[in-house]
Amino acid sequence: MPILPVYTRGYGWLDAPVGCRINEHSSFTIEGMNLLSILRSFYSGVETRPQSVWLNDTQIGATITVRL
């Protein structure tokens, strides 16, 4: 059985951070990762031979920074 290369179908990824400075000592940032909930598809040799599929969920993070 021949070994076929594994390819990934093209996909886009969208991350977006938003931040603000509260005062001279503190700031707040919220960041969204993978806002499009991308479905990544892998295939062996040709697209009619699927190998695996991954769903990457959206993640949201928040950071508060205090400088002393």
Protein backbone atom coordinates (compact mmCIF):
# COMPACT_ATOMS: atom_id res chain seq x y z
CA MET A 1 0.00 0.00 0.00
CA PRO A 2 1.56 3.35 -1.01
CA ILE A 3 1.92 6.08 1.59
CA LEU A 4 0.04 9.24 0.58
CA PRO A 5 0.97 12.72 1.82
CA VAL A 6 -1.48 14.46 4.17
CA TYR A 7 -2.68 17.92 3.14
CA THR A 8 -4.65 20.58 4.97
CA ARG A 9 -7.44 22.41 3.19
CA GLY A 10 -6.91 26.20 3.40
CA TYR A 11 -8.62 28.07 6.23
CA GLY A 12 -8.68 31.53 7.77
CA TRP A 13 -8.22 32.53 11.39
CA LEU A 14 -9.41 35.72 13.09
CA ASP A 15 -8.11 36.98 16.44
CA ALA A 16 -8.93 40.42 17.86
CA PRO A 17 -7.73 42.16 21.04
CA VAL A 18 -9.26 45.32 22.51
CA GLY A 19 -7.68 47.15 25.42
CA CYS A 20 -7.94 50.36 27.37
CA ARG A 21 -5.87 52.13 29.98
CA ILE A 22 -7.96 52.81 33.07
CA ASN A 23 -5.38 55.13 34.65
CA GLU A 24 -1.57 55.45 34.68
CA HIS A 25 -1.22 52.27 36.78
CA SER A 26 -3.83 49.88 35.38
CA SER A 27 -5.19 48.63 32.09
CA PHE A 28 -7.80 46.14 30.88
CA THR A 29 -7.63 43.93 27.77
CA ILE A 30 -10.14 41.49 26.29
CA GLU A 31 -9.03 39.17 23.48
CA GLY A 32 -11.03 36.90 21.20
CA MET A 33 -9.20 34.00 19.57
CA ASN A 34 -10.56 32.14 16.52
CA LEU A 35 -13.67 34.28 16.28
CA LEU A 36 -14.80 32.39 13.15
CA SER A 37 -14.91 28.90 14.82
CA ILE A 38 -12.86 27.39 11.99
CA LEU A 39 -13.34 23.80 10.81
CA ARG A 40 -9.97 22.42 9.63
CA SER A 41 -10.01 19.48 7.17
CA PHE A 42 -7.10 17.16 6.40
CA TYR A 43 -7.00 14.72 3.49
CA SER A 44 -4.68 12.02 2.14
CA GLY A 45 -3.40 12.64 -1.39
CA VAL A 46 -6.67 13.93 -2.89
CA GLU A 47 -9.61 15.79 -1.33
CA THR A 48 -11.94 12.80 -1.84
CA ARG A 49 -9.89 10.85 0.78
CA PRO A 50 -10.59 12.63 4.09
CA GLN A 51 -8.14 11.92 6.90
CA SER A 52 -9.45 14.01 9.83
CA VAL A 53 -11.46 17.11 10.75
CA TRP A 54 -10.85 19.51 13.67
CA LEU A 55 -13.26 22.13 15.00
CA ASN A 56 -11.44 24.90 16.85
CA ASP A 57 -13.85 26.74 19.13
CA THR A 58 -13.79 30.45 19.86
CA GLN A 59 -11.91 31.45 23.01
CA ILE A 60 -12.28 34.70 24.95
CA GLY A 61 -9.72 35.94 27.47
CA ALA A 62 -9.52 38.98 29.73
CA THR A 63 -6.49 40.54 31.42
CA ILE A 64 -6.22 43.24 34.09
CA THR A 65 -2.73 44.69 34.52
CA VAL A 66 -1.72 46.73 37.57
CA ARG A 67 1.65 48.47 37.71
CA LEU A 68 2.92 49.34 41.17
